[in-house]
């Protein structure tokens, strides 16, 4: 028995996917849901991806230099 999908657009999409993939409507919906769940599980938020870099920066020894305008001018060679 195919799934009862009340939303017409979702129903048409499920039918189209089932025809394209030559599977049942139930299998097309199941496959789409499994795929979306997998994608969500693979998603790593920006903060989580950046945390190792932030930890490395925080662990670096302090130089004692103040990063002010004069410091950056000296780095770039400006007088």
PDB file of N, CA and C in Angstrom:
ATOM      1  N   UNK A   1       0.843  -1.177   0.000  1.00  0.00           N
ATOM      2  CA  UNK A   1       0.000   0.000   0.000  1.00  0.00           C
ATOM      3  C   UNK A   1       0.888   1.240   0.000  1.00  0.00           C
ATOM      4  N   UNK A   2       0.710   2.141  -0.970  1.00  0.00           N
ATOM      5  CA  UNK A   2       1.551   3.335  -1.037  1.00  0.00           C
ATOM      6  C   UNK A   2       1.278   4.271   0.136  1.00  0.00           C
ATOM      7  N   UNK A   3       2.260   5.078   0.497  1.00  0.00           N
ATOM      8  CA  UNK A   3       2.058   5.999   1.616  1.00  0.00           C
ATOM      9  C   UNK A   3       0.985   7.026   1.280  1.00  0.00           C
ATOM     10  N   UNK A   4       0.252   7.447   2.295  1.00  0.00           N
ATOM     11  CA  UNK A   4      -0.793   8.457   2.129  1.00  0.00           C
ATOM     12  C   UNK A   4      -0.157   9.826   2.349  1.00  0.00           C
ATOM     13  N   UNK A   5       0.104  10.540   1.267  1.00  0.00           N
ATOM     14  CA  UNK A   5       0.739  11.857   1.341  1.00  0.00           C
ATOM     15  C   UNK A   5      -0.318  12.900   1.024  1.00  0.00           C
ATOM     16  N   UNK A   6      -0.630  13.744   2.000  1.00  0.00           N
ATOM     17  CA  UNK A   6      -1.713  14.727   1.845  1.00  0.00           C
ATOM     18  C   UNK A   6      -1.301  15.923   0.997  1.00  0.00           C
ATOM     19  N   UNK A   7      -0.053  16.317   1.062  1.00  0.00           N
ATOM     20  CA  UNK A   7       0.414  17.470   0.295  1.00  0.00           C
ATOM     21  C   UNK A   7       0.555  17.061  -1.172  1.00  0.00           C
ATOM     22  N   UNK A   8      -0.155  17.768  -2.060  1.00  0.00           N
ATOM     23  CA  UNK A   8      -0.173  17.387  -3.478  1.00  0.00           C
ATOM     24  C   UNK A   8       1.196  17.486  -4.139  1.00  0.00           C
ATOM     25  N   UNK A   9       1.940  18.543  -3.830  1.00  0.00           N
ATOM     26  CA  UNK A   9       3.273  18.693  -4.437  1.00  0.00           C
ATOM     27  C   UNK A   9       4.198  17.559  -3.992  1.00  0.00           C
ATOM     28  N   UNK A  10       4.154  17.235  -2.700  1.00  0.00           N
ATOM     29  CA  UNK A  10       4.970  16.130  -2.190  1.00  0.00           C
ATOM     30  C   UNK A  10       4.529  14.810  -2.814  1.00  0.00           C
ATOM     31  N   UNK A  11       3.232  14.645  -2.983  1.00  0.00           N
ATOM     32  CA  UNK A  11       2.694  13.428  -3.598  1.00  0.00           C
ATOM     33  C   UNK A  11       3.173  13.290  -5.040  1.00  0.00           C
ATOM     34  N   UNK A  12       3.102  14.384  -5.806  1.00  0.00           N
ATOM     35  CA  UNK A  12       3.576  14.358  -7.197  1.00  0.00           C
ATOM     36  C   UNK A  12       5.071  14.071  -7.256  1.00  0.00           C
ATOM     37  N   UNK A  13       5.826  14.689  -6.346  1.00  0.00           N
ATOM     38  CA  UNK A  13       7.278  14.462  -6.320  1.00  0.00           C
ATOM     39  C   UNK A  13       7.599  13.007  -6.007  1.00  0.00           C
ATOM     40  N   UNK A  14       6.873  12.422  -5.064  1.00  0.00           N
ATOM     41  CA  UNK A  14       7.093  11.013  -4.717  1.00  0.00           C
ATOM     42  C   UNK A  14       6.756  10.113  -5.902  1.00  0.00           C
ATOM     43  N   UNK A  15       5.658  10.425  -6.595  1.00  0.00           N
ATOM     44  CA  UNK A  15       5.291   9.647  -7.787  1.00  0.00           C
ATOM     45  C   UNK A  15       6.365   9.766  -8.869  1.00  0.00           C
ATOM     46  N   UNK A  16       6.842  10.988  -9.092  1.00  0.00           N
ATOM     47  CA  UNK A  16       7.851  11.220 -10.131  1.00  0.00           C
ATOM     48  C   UNK A  16       9.148  10.481  -9.801  1.00  0.00           C
ATOM     49  N   UNK A  17       9.565  10.559  -8.534  1.00  0.00           N
ATOM     50  CA  UNK A  17      10.785   9.861  -8.124  1.00  0.00           C
ATOM     51  C   UNK A  17      10.615   8.353  -8.282  1.00  0.00           C
ATOM     52  N   UNK A  18       9.454   7.850  -7.935  1.00  0.00           N
ATOM     53  CA  UNK A  18       9.197   6.411  -8.065  1.00  0.00           C
ATOM     54  C   UNK A  18       9.282   5.981  -9.526  1.00  0.00           C
ATOM     55  N   UNK A  19       8.718   6.793 -10.426  1.00  0.00           N
ATOM     56  CA  UNK A  19       8.774   6.459 -11.853  1.00  0.00           C
ATOM     57  C   UNK A  19      10.195   6.559 -12.396  1.00  0.00           C
ATOM     58  N   UNK A  20      10.899   7.607 -12.000  1.00  0.00           N
ATOM     59  CA  UNK A  20      12.265   7.828 -12.482  1.00  0.00           C
ATOM     60  C   UNK A  20      13.204   6.724 -12.004  1.00  0.00           C
ATOM     61  N   UNK A  21      13.074   6.357 -10.746  1.00  0.00           N
ATOM     62  CA  UNK A  21      13.962   5.346 -10.158  1.00  0.00           C
ATOM     63  C   UNK A  21      13.437   3.929 -10.374  1.00  0.00           C
ATOM     64  N   UNK A  22      12.269   3.814 -10.985  1.00  0.00           N
ATOM     65  CA  UNK A  22      11.594   2.521 -11.213  1.00  0.00           C
ATOM     66  C   UNK A  22      11.515   1.683  -9.937  1.00  0.00           C
ATOM     67  N   UNK A  23      11.022   2.327  -8.887  1.00  0.00           N
ATOM     68  CA  UNK A  23      10.762   1.651  -7.617  1.00  0.00           C
ATOM     69  C   UNK A  23       9.347   2.025  -7.186  1.00  0.00           C
ATOM     70  N   UNK A  24       8.900   1.417  -6.110  1.00  0.00           N
ATOM     71  CA  UNK A  24       7.566   1.750  -5.608  1.00  0.00           C
ATOM     72  C   UNK A  24       7.588   3.138  -4.978  1.00  0.00           C
ATOM     73  N   UNK A  25       6.414   3.702  -4.832  1.00  0.00           N
ATOM     74  CA  UNK A  25       6.299   5.018  -4.196  1.00  0.00           C
ATOM     75  C   UNK A  25       6.831   4.954  -2.762  1.00  0.00           C
ATOM     76  N   UNK A  26       6.503   3.880  -2.060  1.00  0.00           N
ATOM     77  CA  UNK A  26       6.993   3.710  -0.689  1.00  0.00           C
ATOM     78  C   UNK A  26       8.515   3.688  -0.663  1.00  0.00           C
ATOM     79  N   UNK A  27       9.113   2.947  -1.575  1.00  0.00           N
ATOM     80  CA  UNK A  27      10.582   2.857  -1.627  1.00  0.00           C
ATOM     81  C   UNK A  27      11.200   4.201  -1.992  1.00  0.00           C
ATOM     82  N   UNK A  28      10.552   4.947  -2.887  1.00  0.00           N
ATOM     83  CA  UNK A  28      11.101   6.257  -3.259  1.00  0.00           C
ATOM     84  C   UNK A  28      11.071   7.214  -2.075  1.00  0.00           C
ATOM     85  N   UNK A  29       9.981   7.181  -1.299  1.00  0.00           N
ATOM     86  CA  UNK A  29       9.883   8.043  -0.108  1.00  0.00           C
ATOM     87  C   UNK A  29      10.902   7.596   0.930  1.00  0.00           C
ATOM     88  N   UNK A  30      11.008   6.282   1.153  1.00  0.00           N
ATOM     89  CA  UNK A  30      11.972   5.757   2.127  1.00  0.00           C
ATOM     90  C   UNK A  30      13.395   6.163   1.739  1.00  0.00           C
ATOM     91  N   UNK A  31      13.730   5.994   0.464  1.00  0.00           N
ATOM     92  CA  UNK A  31      15.073   6.350   0.001  1.00  0.00           C
ATOM     93  C   UNK A  31      15.373   7.829   0.164  1.00  0.00           C
ATOM     94  N   UNK A  32      14.383   8.670  -0.146  1.00  0.00           N
ATOM     95  CA  UNK A  32      14.585  10.114   0.002  1.00  0.00           C
ATOM     96  C   UNK A  32      14.785  10.484   1.468  1.00  0.00           C
ATOM     97  N   UNK A  33      14.011   9.864   2.347  1.00  0.00           N
ATOM     98  CA  UNK A  33      14.152  10.149   3.780  1.00  0.00           C
ATOM     99  C   UNK A  33      15.503   9.678   4.311  1.00  0.00           C
ATOM    100  N   UNK A  34      15.910   8.487   3.915  1.00  0.00           N
ATOM    101  CA  UNK A  34      17.216   7.966   4.347  1.00  0.00           C
ATOM    102  C   UNK A  34      18.332   8.880   3.853  1.00  0.00           C
ATOM    103  N   UNK A  35      18.221   9.323   2.604  1.00  0.00           N
ATOM    104  CA  UNK A  35      19.236  10.216   2.044  1.00  0.00           C
ATOM    105  C   UNK A  35      19.295  11.531   2.812  1.00  0.00           C
ATOM    106  N   UNK A  36      18.145  12.130   3.104  1.00  0.00           N
ATOM    107  CA  UNK A  36      18.128  13.394   3.846  1.00  0.00           C
ATOM    108  C   UNK A  36      18.665  13.220   5.261  1.00  0.00           C
ATOM    109  N   UNK A  37      18.317  12.120   5.913  1.00  0.00           N
ATOM    110  CA  UNK A  37      18.846  11.866   7.257  1.00  0.00           C
ATOM    111  C   UNK A  37      20.359  11.694   7.226  1.00  0.00           C
ATOM    112  N   UNK A  38      20.864  10.969   6.231  1.00  0.00           N
ATOM    113  CA  UNK A  38      22.314  10.793   6.099  1.00  0.00           C
ATOM    114  C   UNK A  38      22.992  12.141   5.907  1.00  0.00           C
ATOM    115  N   UNK A  39      22.410  12.990   5.033  1.00  0.00           N
ATOM    116  CA  UNK A  39      22.977  14.317   4.779  1.00  0.00           C
ATOM    117  C   UNK A  39      23.027  15.148   6.055  1.00  0.00           C
ATOM    118  N   UNK A  40      21.961  15.082   6.852  1.00  0.00           N
ATOM    119  CA  UNK A  40      21.929  15.824   8.117  1.00  0.00           C
ATOM    120  C   UNK A  40      22.998  15.314   9.080  1.00  0.00           C
ATOM    121  N   UNK A  41      23.176  14.002   9.124  1.00  0.00           N
ATOM    122  CA  UNK A  41      24.178  13.426  10.020  1.00  0.00           C
ATOM    123  C   UNK A  41      25.593  13.782   9.589  1.00  0.00           C
ATOM    124  N   UNK A  42      25.811  13.978   8.289  1.00  0.00           N
ATOM    125  CA  UNK A  42      27.136  14.323   7.778  1.00  0.00           C
ATOM    126  C   UNK A  42      27.448  15.801   7.959  1.00  0.00           C
ATOM    127  N   UNK A  43      26.422  16.580   8.194  1.00  0.00           N
ATOM    128  CA  UNK A  43      26.587  18.029   8.316  1.00  0.00           C
ATOM    129  C   UNK A  43      27.358  18.343   9.598  1.00  0.00           C
ATOM    130  N   UNK A  44      28.452  19.036   9.449  1.00  0.00           N
ATOM    131  CA  UNK A  44      29.231  19.477  10.605  1.00  0.00           C
ATOM    132  C   UNK A  44      29.143  20.998  10.625  1.00  0.00           C
ATOM    133  N   UNK A  45      28.660  21.520  11.731  1.00  0.00           N
ATOM    134  CA  UNK A  45      28.460  22.953  11.824  1.00  0.00           C
ATOM    135  C   UNK A  45      29.790  23.701  11.775  1.00  0.00           C
ATOM    136  N   UNK A  46      29.746  24.923  11.302  1.00  0.00           N
ATOM    137  CA  UNK A  46      30.940  25.745  11.143  1.00  0.00           C
ATOM    138  C   UNK A  46      31.723  25.832  12.446  1.00  0.00           C
ATOM    139  N   UNK A  47      31.042  26.055  13.548  1.00  0.00           N
ATOM    140  CA  UNK A  47      31.731  26.175  14.834  1.00  0.00           C
ATOM    141  C   UNK A  47      32.507  24.902  15.165  1.00  0.00           C
ATOM    142  N   UNK A  48      31.925  23.748  14.860  1.00  0.00           N
ATOM    143  CA  UNK A  48      32.614  22.479  15.120  1.00  0.00           C
ATOM    144  C   UNK A  48      33.821  22.305  14.208  1.00  0.00           C
ATOM    145  N   UNK A  49      33.703  22.731  12.945  1.00  0.00           N
ATOM    146  CA  UNK A  49      34.822  22.607  12.009  1.00  0.00           C
ATOM    147  C   UNK A  49      35.955  23.550  12.385  1.00  0.00           C
ATOM    148  N   UNK A  50      35.618  24.713  12.920  1.00  0.00           N
ATOM    149  CA  UNK A  50      36.637  25.703  13.253  1.00  0.00           C
ATOM    150  C   UNK A  50      37.298  25.452  14.607  1.00  0.00           C
ATOM    151  N   UNK A  51      36.675  24.667  15.474  1.00  0.00           N
ATOM    152  CA  UNK A  51      37.183  24.497  16.831  1.00  0.00           C
ATOM    153  C   UNK A  51      38.633  24.015  16.886  1.00  0.00           C
ATOM    154  N   UNK A  52      39.067  23.033  16.084  1.00  0.00           N
ATOM    155  CA  UNK A  52      40.481  22.638  16.139  1.00  0.00           C
ATOM    156  C   UNK A  52      41.424  23.800  15.808  1.00  0.00           C
ATOM    157  N   UNK A  53      41.066  24.624  14.848  1.00  0.00           N
ATOM    158  CA  UNK A  53      41.886  25.784  14.499  1.00  0.00           C
ATOM    159  C   UNK A  53      41.910  26.787  15.647  1.00  0.00           C
ATOM    160  N   UNK A  54      40.755  27.044  16.248  1.00  0.00           N
ATOM    161  CA  UNK A  54      40.694  27.974  17.376  1.00  0.00           C
ATOM    162  C   UNK A  54      41.517  27.463  18.553  1.00  0.00           C
ATOM    163  N   UNK A  55      41.480  26.149  18.792  1.00  0.00           N
ATOM    164  CA  UNK A  55      42.281  25.561  19.870  1.00  0.00           C
ATOM    165  C   UNK A  55      43.773  25.728  19.597  1.00  0.00           C
ATOM    166  N   UNK A  56      44.173  25.533  18.339  1.00  0.00           N
ATOM    167  CA  UNK A  56      45.585  25.686  17.969  1.00  0.00           C
ATOM    168  C   UNK A  56      46.039  27.132  18.159  1.00  0.00           C
ATOM    169  N   UNK A  57      45.215  28.071  17.759  1.00  0.00           N
ATOM    170  CA  UNK A  57      45.552  29.492  17.923  1.00  0.00           C
ATOM    171  C   UNK A  57      45.657  29.834  19.400  1.00  0.00           C
ATOM    172  N   UNK A  58      44.723  29.345  20.204  1.00  0.00           N
ATOM    173  CA  UNK A  58      44.734  29.634  21.641  1.00  0.00           C
ATOM    174  C   UNK A  58      45.959  29.032  22.324  1.00  0.00           C
ATOM    175  N   UNK A  59      46.467  27.913  21.800  1.00  0.00           N
ATOM    176  CA  UNK A  59      47.621  27.248  22.408  1.00  0.00           C
ATOM    177  C   UNK A  59      48.946  27.904  22.027  1.00  0.00           C
ATOM    178  N   UNK A  60      48.942  28.755  21.016  1.00  0.00           N
ATOM    179  CA  UNK A  60      50.183  29.412  20.582  1.00  0.00           C
ATOM    180  C   UNK A  60      50.679  30.353  21.683  1.00  0.00           C
ATOM    181  N   UNK A  61      51.996  30.402  21.885  1.00  0.00           N
ATOM    182  CA  UNK A  61      52.528  31.284  22.927  1.00  0.00           C
ATOM    183  C   UNK A  61      52.305  32.755  22.575  1.00  0.00           C
ATOM    184  N   UNK A  62      52.081  33.544  23.582  1.00  0.00           N
ATOM    185  CA  UNK A  62      51.889  34.987  23.393  1.00  0.00           C
ATOM    186  C   UNK A  62      53.250  35.636  23.148  1.00  0.00           C
ATOM    187  N   UNK A  63      53.298  36.594  22.211  1.00  0.00           N
ATOM    188  CA  UNK A  63      54.561  37.244  21.859  1.00  0.00           C
ATOM    189  C   UNK A  63      54.841  38.462  22.719  1.00  0.00           C
ATOM    190  N   UNK A  64      53.798  39.026  23.293  1.00  0.00           N
ATOM    191  CA  UNK A  64      53.971  40.249  24.059  1.00  0.00           C
ATOM    192  C   UNK A  64      53.859  41.494  23.198  1.00  0.00           C
ATOM    193  N   UNK A  65      53.803  41.322  21.884  1.00  0.00           N
ATOM    194  CA  UNK A  65      53.659  42.462  20.978  1.00  0.00           C
ATOM    195  C   UNK A  65      52.200  42.883  20.896  1.00  0.00           C
ATOM    196  N   UNK A  66      51.988  44.178  20.798  1.00  0.00           N
ATOM    197  CA  UNK A  66      50.637  44.690  20.632  1.00  0.00           C
ATOM    198  C   UNK A  66      50.361  44.828  19.139  1.00  0.00           C
ATOM    199  N   UNK A  67      49.274  44.228  18.684  1.00  0.00           N
ATOM    200  CA  UNK A  67      48.925  44.281  17.265  1.00  0.00           C
ATOM    201  C   UNK A  67      48.108  45.546  17.006  1.00  0.00           C
ATOM    202  N   UNK A  68      48.803  46.673  16.977  1.00  0.00           N
ATOM    203  CA  UNK A  68      48.137  47.953  16.722  1.00  0.00           C
ATOM    204  C   UNK A  68      48.492  48.424  15.314  1.00  0.00           C
ATOM    205  N   UNK A  69      48.106  49.644  14.968  1.00  0.00           N
ATOM    206  CA  UNK A  69      48.346  50.176  13.626  1.00  0.00           C
ATOM    207  C   UNK A  69      49.840  50.190  13.306  1.00  0.00           C
ATOM    208  N   UNK A  70      50.666  50.612  14.249  1.00  0.00           N
ATOM    209  CA  UNK A  70      52.109  50.667  14.015  1.00  0.00           C
ATOM    210  C   UNK A  70      52.663  49.273  13.711  1.00  0.00           C
ATOM    211  N   UNK A  71      52.173  48.271  14.407  1.00  0.00           N
ATOM    212  CA  UNK A  71      52.606  46.893  14.189  1.00  0.00           C
ATOM    213  C   UNK A  71      52.291  46.452  12.759  1.00  0.00           C
ATOM    214  N   UNK A  72      51.048  46.694  12.317  1.00  0.00           N
ATOM    215  CA  UNK A  72      50.655  46.289  10.964  1.00  0.00           C
ATOM    216  C   UNK A  72      51.346  47.124   9.895  1.00  0.00           C
ATOM    217  N   UNK A  73      51.586  48.399  10.163  1.00  0.00           N
ATOM    218  CA  UNK A  73      52.333  49.230   9.218  1.00  0.00           C
ATOM    219  C   UNK A  73      53.741  48.675   9.038  1.00  0.00           C
ATOM    220  N   UNK A  74      54.362  48.256  10.134  1.00  0.00           N
ATOM    221  CA  UNK A  74      55.704  47.692  10.068  1.00  0.00           C
ATOM    222  C   UNK A  74      55.701  46.376   9.276  1.00  0.00           C
ATOM    223  N   UNK A  75      54.689  45.544   9.479  1.00  0.00           N
ATOM    224  CA  UNK A  75      54.591  44.285   8.734  1.00  0.00           C
ATOM    225  C   UNK A  75      54.472  44.518   7.234  1.00  0.00           C
ATOM    226  N   UNK A  76      53.711  45.537   6.857  1.00  0.00           N
ATOM    227  CA  UNK A  76      53.472  45.779   5.432  1.00  0.00           C
ATOM    228  C   UNK A  76      54.543  46.657   4.800  1.00  0.00           C
ATOM    229  N   UNK A  77      55.448  47.197   5.609  1.00  0.00           N
ATOM    230  CA  UNK A  77      56.514  48.036   5.075  1.00  0.00           C
ATOM    231  C   UNK A  77      56.133  49.499   4.951  1.00  0.00           C
ATOM    232  N   UNK A  78      54.960  49.876   5.446  1.00  0.00           N
ATOM    233  CA  UNK A  78      54.563  51.289   5.419  1.00  0.00           C
ATOM    234  C   UNK A  78      55.326  52.046   6.495  1.00  0.00           C
ATOM    235  N   UNK A  79      55.693  53.290   6.177  1.00  0.00           N
ATOM    236  CA  UNK A  79      56.422  54.082   7.192  1.00  0.00           C
ATOM    237  C   UNK A  79      55.521  54.525   8.329  1.00  0.00           C
TER     238      UNK A  79
END
